[in-house]
């Protein structure tokens, strides 16, 4: 994705070392595991449309926050946690919506096309 591809170079432009930036990317990956697992659990219990609304709002807020964060260690950790929790969290509700709309047989195929088009 865009953030994973450009975060280290962007941090370098902001005067942050490559190792520290790579650490932020690793932290995002760890929180991605937590966020995606939690998203699957939430998708089993709540309306996936509302979850997607919340997830995309959090993603937007975190991306708007980044350029205004001041690029201190604490502010970048806040970004890494927020963006990491939300990174792939959209997959479970999107898959559920595809299954609801197209059935258990065709839903996964439609989801595959959604991912390919993404």
N, C-alpha and C. Protein backbone atom coordinates (compact mmCIF):
# COMPACT_ATOMS: atom_id res chain seq x y z
N UNK A 1 0.80 -1.18 0.00
CA UNK A 1 0.00 0.00 0.00
C UNK A 1 0.85 1.25 0.00
N UNK A 2 0.20 2.35 -0.09
CA UNK A 2 0.86 3.65 -0.17
C UNK A 2 1.70 3.94 1.07
N UNK A 3 1.14 3.71 2.25
CA UNK A 3 1.86 4.02 3.48
C UNK A 3 3.05 3.07 3.65
N UNK A 4 2.83 1.78 3.45
CA UNK A 4 3.92 0.82 3.60
C UNK A 4 5.06 1.08 2.64
N UNK A 5 4.74 1.55 1.46
CA UNK A 5 5.75 1.81 0.44
C UNK A 5 6.54 3.08 0.73
N UNK A 6 5.88 4.11 1.20
CA UNK A 6 6.52 5.42 1.28
C UNK A 6 6.84 5.90 2.69
N UNK A 7 6.44 5.18 3.73
CA UNK A 7 6.63 5.68 5.10
C UNK A 7 8.11 5.90 5.43
N UNK A 8 8.96 4.94 5.12
CA UNK A 8 10.37 5.06 5.50
C UNK A 8 11.02 6.23 4.76
N UNK A 9 10.76 6.36 3.47
CA UNK A 9 11.33 7.48 2.71
C UNK A 9 10.77 8.82 3.21
N UNK A 10 9.47 8.86 3.52
CA UNK A 10 8.85 10.08 4.03
C UNK A 10 9.46 10.47 5.37
N UNK A 11 9.64 9.49 6.24
CA UNK A 11 10.27 9.78 7.53
C UNK A 11 11.70 10.29 7.33
N UNK A 12 12.41 9.72 6.35
CA UNK A 12 13.76 10.21 6.04
C UNK A 12 13.73 11.67 5.61
N UNK A 13 12.74 12.04 4.83
CA UNK A 13 12.58 13.44 4.42
C UNK A 13 12.32 14.35 5.61
N UNK A 14 11.72 13.79 6.66
CA UNK A 14 11.40 14.57 7.85
C UNK A 14 12.51 14.51 8.90
N UNK A 15 13.65 13.89 8.55
CA UNK A 15 14.79 13.84 9.45
C UNK A 15 14.79 12.67 10.42
N UNK A 16 13.99 11.68 10.16
CA UNK A 16 13.91 10.50 11.03
C UNK A 16 14.73 9.40 10.38
N UNK A 17 15.54 8.72 11.18
CA UNK A 17 16.41 7.67 10.66
C UNK A 17 15.65 6.50 10.08
N UNK A 18 16.30 5.79 9.17
CA UNK A 18 15.67 4.65 8.51
C UNK A 18 15.31 3.54 9.48
N UNK A 19 16.17 3.30 10.46
CA UNK A 19 15.91 2.23 11.42
C UNK A 19 14.70 2.56 12.28
N UNK A 20 14.59 3.80 12.74
CA UNK A 20 13.43 4.21 13.53
C UNK A 20 12.16 4.13 12.67
N UNK A 21 12.24 4.55 11.42
CA UNK A 21 11.08 4.48 10.53
C UNK A 21 10.69 3.03 10.26
N UNK A 22 11.67 2.16 10.09
CA UNK A 22 11.36 0.74 9.90
C UNK A 22 10.73 0.16 11.15
N UNK A 23 11.15 0.64 12.31
CA UNK A 23 10.52 0.21 13.56
C UNK A 23 9.06 0.61 13.62
N UNK A 24 8.76 1.81 13.13
CA UNK A 24 7.36 2.25 13.07
C UNK A 24 6.55 1.35 12.14
N UNK A 25 7.13 0.99 11.02
CA UNK A 25 6.45 0.10 10.08
C UNK A 25 6.22 -1.27 10.70
N UNK A 26 7.20 -1.75 11.46
CA UNK A 26 7.03 -3.03 12.16
C UNK A 26 5.93 -2.93 13.22
N UNK A 27 5.90 -1.81 13.93
CA UNK A 27 4.85 -1.61 14.93
C UNK A 27 3.48 -1.60 14.27
N UNK A 28 3.39 -0.97 13.10
CA UNK A 28 2.12 -0.97 12.37
C UNK A 28 1.72 -2.40 12.02
N UNK A 29 2.68 -3.22 11.64
CA UNK A 29 2.38 -4.62 11.32
C UNK A 29 1.87 -5.39 12.51
N UNK A 30 2.46 -5.17 13.67
CA UNK A 30 2.00 -5.85 14.89
C UNK A 30 0.57 -5.43 15.22
N UNK A 31 0.31 -4.13 15.16
CA UNK A 31 -1.04 -3.66 15.46
C UNK A 31 -2.04 -4.04 14.37
N UNK A 32 -1.53 -4.28 13.15
CA UNK A 32 -2.39 -4.79 12.09
C UNK A 32 -2.93 -6.17 12.46
N UNK A 33 -2.09 -7.03 13.00
CA UNK A 33 -2.54 -8.36 13.42
C UNK A 33 -3.65 -8.24 14.47
N UNK A 34 -3.45 -7.35 15.42
CA UNK A 34 -4.45 -7.15 16.47
C UNK A 34 -5.74 -6.58 15.87
N UNK A 35 -5.61 -5.55 15.03
CA UNK A 35 -6.78 -4.89 14.45
C UNK A 35 -7.58 -5.79 13.54
N UNK A 36 -6.91 -6.59 12.73
CA UNK A 36 -7.62 -7.48 11.81
C UNK A 36 -8.33 -8.59 12.56
N UNK A 37 -7.67 -9.14 13.58
CA UNK A 37 -8.31 -10.18 14.40
C UNK A 37 -9.52 -9.61 15.13
N UNK A 38 -9.37 -8.45 15.71
CA UNK A 38 -10.48 -7.79 16.40
C UNK A 38 -11.60 -7.46 15.41
N UNK A 39 -11.24 -7.06 14.21
CA UNK A 39 -12.25 -6.75 13.19
C UNK A 39 -13.07 -7.97 12.82
N UNK A 40 -12.42 -9.13 12.72
CA UNK A 40 -13.16 -10.36 12.45
C UNK A 40 -14.16 -10.66 13.55
N UNK A 41 -13.73 -10.48 14.79
CA UNK A 41 -14.61 -10.71 15.94
C UNK A 41 -15.78 -9.72 15.91
N UNK A 42 -15.49 -8.45 15.64
CA UNK A 42 -16.54 -7.43 15.58
C UNK A 42 -17.50 -7.67 14.42
N UNK A 43 -16.97 -8.14 13.30
CA UNK A 43 -17.81 -8.40 12.12
C UNK A 43 -18.83 -9.49 12.40
N UNK A 44 -18.49 -10.43 13.27
CA UNK A 44 -19.45 -11.47 13.66
C UNK A 44 -20.57 -10.92 14.53
N UNK A 45 -20.40 -9.74 15.10
CA UNK A 45 -21.34 -9.23 16.08
C UNK A 45 -22.06 -7.94 15.67
N UNK A 46 -21.51 -7.21 14.72
CA UNK A 46 -22.07 -5.90 14.37
C UNK A 46 -22.25 -5.78 12.86
N UNK A 47 -23.02 -4.78 12.46
CA UNK A 47 -23.28 -4.51 11.04
C UNK A 47 -21.97 -4.15 10.34
N UNK A 48 -21.59 -4.91 9.32
CA UNK A 48 -20.31 -4.62 8.64
C UNK A 48 -20.29 -3.26 7.95
N UNK A 49 -21.44 -2.73 7.57
CA UNK A 49 -21.47 -1.41 6.94
C UNK A 49 -21.03 -0.33 7.92
N UNK A 50 -21.53 -0.44 9.15
CA UNK A 50 -21.14 0.54 10.18
C UNK A 50 -19.67 0.39 10.54
N UNK A 51 -19.20 -0.86 10.61
CA UNK A 51 -17.79 -1.08 10.91
C UNK A 51 -16.90 -0.45 9.84
N UNK A 52 -17.26 -0.65 8.57
CA UNK A 52 -16.47 -0.05 7.49
C UNK A 52 -16.47 1.47 7.59
N UNK A 53 -17.60 2.06 7.96
CA UNK A 53 -17.66 3.50 8.15
C UNK A 53 -16.69 3.97 9.22
N UNK A 54 -16.67 3.25 10.34
CA UNK A 54 -15.74 3.59 11.43
C UNK A 54 -14.30 3.39 10.98
N UNK A 55 -14.02 2.27 10.33
CA UNK A 55 -12.65 1.97 9.91
C UNK A 55 -12.12 3.03 8.93
N UNK A 56 -12.93 3.39 7.95
CA UNK A 56 -12.47 4.38 6.98
C UNK A 56 -12.35 5.77 7.62
N UNK A 57 -13.18 6.07 8.60
CA UNK A 57 -13.05 7.34 9.33
C UNK A 57 -11.74 7.37 10.12
N UNK A 58 -11.43 6.27 10.81
CA UNK A 58 -10.17 6.19 11.57
C UNK A 58 -8.98 6.31 10.62
N UNK A 59 -9.06 5.63 9.49
CA UNK A 59 -7.97 5.70 8.51
C UNK A 59 -7.79 7.14 8.02
N UNK A 60 -8.89 7.81 7.71
CA UNK A 60 -8.80 9.19 7.24
C UNK A 60 -8.22 10.11 8.29
N UNK A 61 -8.68 9.97 9.53
CA UNK A 61 -8.17 10.81 10.62
C UNK A 61 -6.68 10.57 10.82
N UNK A 62 -6.25 9.31 10.79
CA UNK A 62 -4.83 9.03 11.01
C UNK A 62 -3.98 9.60 9.87
N UNK A 63 -4.47 9.54 8.64
CA UNK A 63 -3.70 10.09 7.52
C UNK A 63 -3.69 11.62 7.54
N UNK A 64 -4.77 12.23 8.01
CA UNK A 64 -4.77 13.69 8.16
C UNK A 64 -3.86 14.10 9.32
N UNK A 65 -3.82 13.29 10.36
CA UNK A 65 -2.99 13.57 11.54
C UNK A 65 -1.50 13.57 11.21
N UNK A 66 -1.06 12.66 10.36
CA UNK A 66 0.37 12.45 10.13
C UNK A 66 1.13 13.72 9.75
N UNK A 67 0.72 14.49 8.76
CA UNK A 67 1.53 15.67 8.40
C UNK A 67 1.54 16.76 9.47
N UNK A 68 0.56 16.72 10.38
CA UNK A 68 0.49 17.73 11.44
C UNK A 68 1.01 17.20 12.78
N UNK A 69 1.59 16.02 12.77
CA UNK A 69 1.98 15.36 14.02
C UNK A 69 3.22 15.96 14.66
N UNK A 70 4.01 16.69 13.92
CA UNK A 70 5.25 17.23 14.47
C UNK A 70 6.40 16.24 14.38
N UNK A 71 6.11 15.01 14.05
CA UNK A 71 7.10 13.96 13.84
C UNK A 71 7.98 13.68 15.05
N UNK A 72 7.40 13.86 16.23
CA UNK A 72 8.10 13.42 17.44
C UNK A 72 7.90 11.92 17.57
N UNK A 73 8.69 11.29 18.42
CA UNK A 73 8.59 9.84 18.60
C UNK A 73 7.19 9.45 19.07
N UNK A 74 6.64 10.19 20.02
CA UNK A 74 5.32 9.86 20.56
C UNK A 74 4.24 10.03 19.49
N UNK A 75 4.30 11.11 18.74
CA UNK A 75 3.26 11.34 17.73
C UNK A 75 3.33 10.30 16.62
N UNK A 76 4.52 9.85 16.26
CA UNK A 76 4.63 8.82 15.23
C UNK A 76 4.18 7.46 15.75
N UNK A 77 4.38 7.20 17.02
CA UNK A 77 3.87 5.96 17.61
C UNK A 77 2.35 5.97 17.61
N UNK A 78 1.76 7.12 17.93
CA UNK A 78 0.29 7.24 17.89
C UNK A 78 -0.20 6.94 16.48
N UNK A 79 0.46 7.50 15.47
CA UNK A 79 0.07 7.22 14.09
C UNK A 79 0.22 5.74 13.77
N UNK A 80 1.34 5.15 14.15
CA UNK A 80 1.59 3.73 13.84
C UNK A 80 0.54 2.83 14.48
N UNK A 81 0.14 3.14 15.70
CA UNK A 81 -0.87 2.33 16.38
C UNK A 81 -2.23 2.49 15.68
N UNK A 82 -2.66 3.73 15.45
CA UNK A 82 -3.96 3.97 14.81
C UNK A 82 -4.02 3.38 13.41
N UNK A 83 -3.01 3.66 12.61
CA UNK A 83 -3.03 3.17 11.24
C UNK A 83 -2.85 1.65 11.22
N UNK A 84 -2.03 1.13 12.10
CA UNK A 84 -1.84 -0.31 12.16
C UNK A 84 -3.11 -1.05 12.53
N UNK A 85 -3.83 -0.57 13.53
CA UNK A 85 -5.09 -1.21 13.93
C UNK A 85 -6.08 -1.24 12.78
N UNK A 86 -6.00 -0.26 11.91
CA UNK A 86 -6.98 -0.11 10.83
C UNK A 86 -6.50 -0.63 9.48
N UNK A 87 -5.25 -1.01 9.36
CA UNK A 87 -4.61 -1.27 8.08
C UNK A 87 -5.38 -2.28 7.22
N UNK A 88 -5.61 -3.47 7.73
CA UNK A 88 -6.31 -4.51 6.97
C UNK A 88 -7.65 -4.85 7.65
N UNK A 89 -8.06 -4.04 8.60
CA UNK A 89 -9.30 -4.31 9.34
C UNK A 89 -10.54 -4.28 8.45
N UNK A 90 -10.44 -3.70 7.28
CA UNK A 90 -11.59 -3.63 6.38
C UNK A 90 -11.89 -4.95 5.69
N UNK A 91 -10.96 -5.90 5.73
CA UNK A 91 -11.16 -7.16 5.00
C UNK A 91 -12.33 -7.98 5.55
N UNK A 92 -12.41 -8.27 6.86
CA UNK A 92 -13.53 -9.10 7.32
C UNK A 92 -14.92 -8.53 7.01
N UNK A 93 -15.19 -7.24 7.26
CA UNK A 93 -16.53 -6.76 6.92
C UNK A 93 -16.79 -6.72 5.41
N UNK A 94 -15.76 -6.46 4.61
CA UNK A 94 -15.94 -6.46 3.16
C UNK A 94 -16.27 -7.86 2.67
N UNK A 95 -15.59 -8.86 3.19
CA UNK A 95 -15.88 -10.24 2.81
C UNK A 95 -17.29 -10.64 3.23
N UNK A 96 -17.69 -10.22 4.42
CA UNK A 96 -19.04 -10.54 4.87
C UNK A 96 -20.09 -9.89 3.97
N UNK A 97 -19.86 -8.64 3.59
CA UNK A 97 -20.80 -7.96 2.69
C UNK A 97 -20.87 -8.66 1.33
N UNK A 98 -19.72 -9.09 0.82
CA UNK A 98 -19.72 -9.80 -0.46
C UNK A 98 -20.49 -11.11 -0.34
N UNK A 99 -20.33 -11.82 0.77
CA UNK A 99 -21.07 -13.07 0.97
C UNK A 99 -22.56 -12.82 1.13
N UNK A 100 -22.93 -11.76 1.83
CA UNK A 100 -24.35 -11.44 1.99
C UNK A 100 -24.98 -11.06 0.65
N UNK A 101 -24.26 -10.32 -0.16
CA UNK A 101 -24.82 -9.83 -1.42
C UNK A 101 -24.83 -10.90 -2.52
N UNK A 102 -23.80 -11.76 -2.53
CA UNK A 102 -23.65 -12.70 -3.64
C UNK A 102 -23.72 -14.16 -3.23
N UNK A 103 -23.93 -14.42 -1.95
CA UNK A 103 -24.05 -15.79 -1.48
C UNK A 103 -22.70 -16.41 -1.14
N UNK A 104 -22.78 -17.52 -0.42
CA UNK A 104 -21.55 -18.18 0.04
C UNK A 104 -20.74 -18.78 -1.10
N UNK A 105 -21.38 -19.08 -2.20
CA UNK A 105 -20.66 -19.69 -3.32
C UNK A 105 -19.94 -18.63 -4.18
N UNK A 106 -20.63 -17.54 -4.50
CA UNK A 106 -20.04 -16.52 -5.38
C UNK A 106 -19.38 -15.38 -4.61
N UNK A 107 -19.74 -15.20 -3.34
CA UNK A 107 -19.18 -14.10 -2.54
C UNK A 107 -17.66 -14.08 -2.49
N UNK A 108 -17.01 -15.22 -2.22
CA UNK A 108 -15.54 -15.20 -2.20
C UNK A 108 -14.91 -14.85 -3.55
N UNK A 109 -15.56 -15.24 -4.63
CA UNK A 109 -15.04 -14.89 -5.96
C UNK A 109 -15.16 -13.38 -6.18
N UNK A 110 -16.31 -12.83 -5.80
CA UNK A 110 -16.49 -11.38 -5.92
C UNK A 110 -15.48 -10.66 -5.04
N UNK A 111 -15.26 -11.17 -3.83
CA UNK A 111 -14.27 -10.56 -2.95
C UNK A 111 -12.88 -10.61 -3.59
N UNK A 112 -12.55 -11.71 -4.23
CA UNK A 112 -11.27 -11.80 -4.93
C UNK A 112 -11.12 -10.73 -5.99
N UNK A 113 -12.20 -10.46 -6.72
CA UNK A 113 -12.17 -9.40 -7.73
C UNK A 113 -12.06 -8.02 -7.07
N UNK A 114 -12.68 -7.86 -5.90
CA UNK A 114 -12.56 -6.59 -5.17
C UNK A 114 -11.10 -6.36 -4.79
N UNK A 115 -10.45 -7.40 -4.27
CA UNK A 115 -9.04 -7.29 -3.88
C UNK A 115 -8.17 -7.03 -5.11
N UNK A 116 -8.44 -7.75 -6.20
CA UNK A 116 -7.64 -7.57 -7.42
C UNK A 116 -7.80 -6.15 -7.98
N UNK A 117 -9.00 -5.62 -7.90
CA UNK A 117 -9.25 -4.27 -8.38
C UNK A 117 -8.73 -3.19 -7.46
N UNK A 118 -8.49 -3.54 -6.24
CA UNK A 118 -8.03 -2.60 -5.24
C UNK A 118 -6.58 -2.30 -5.47
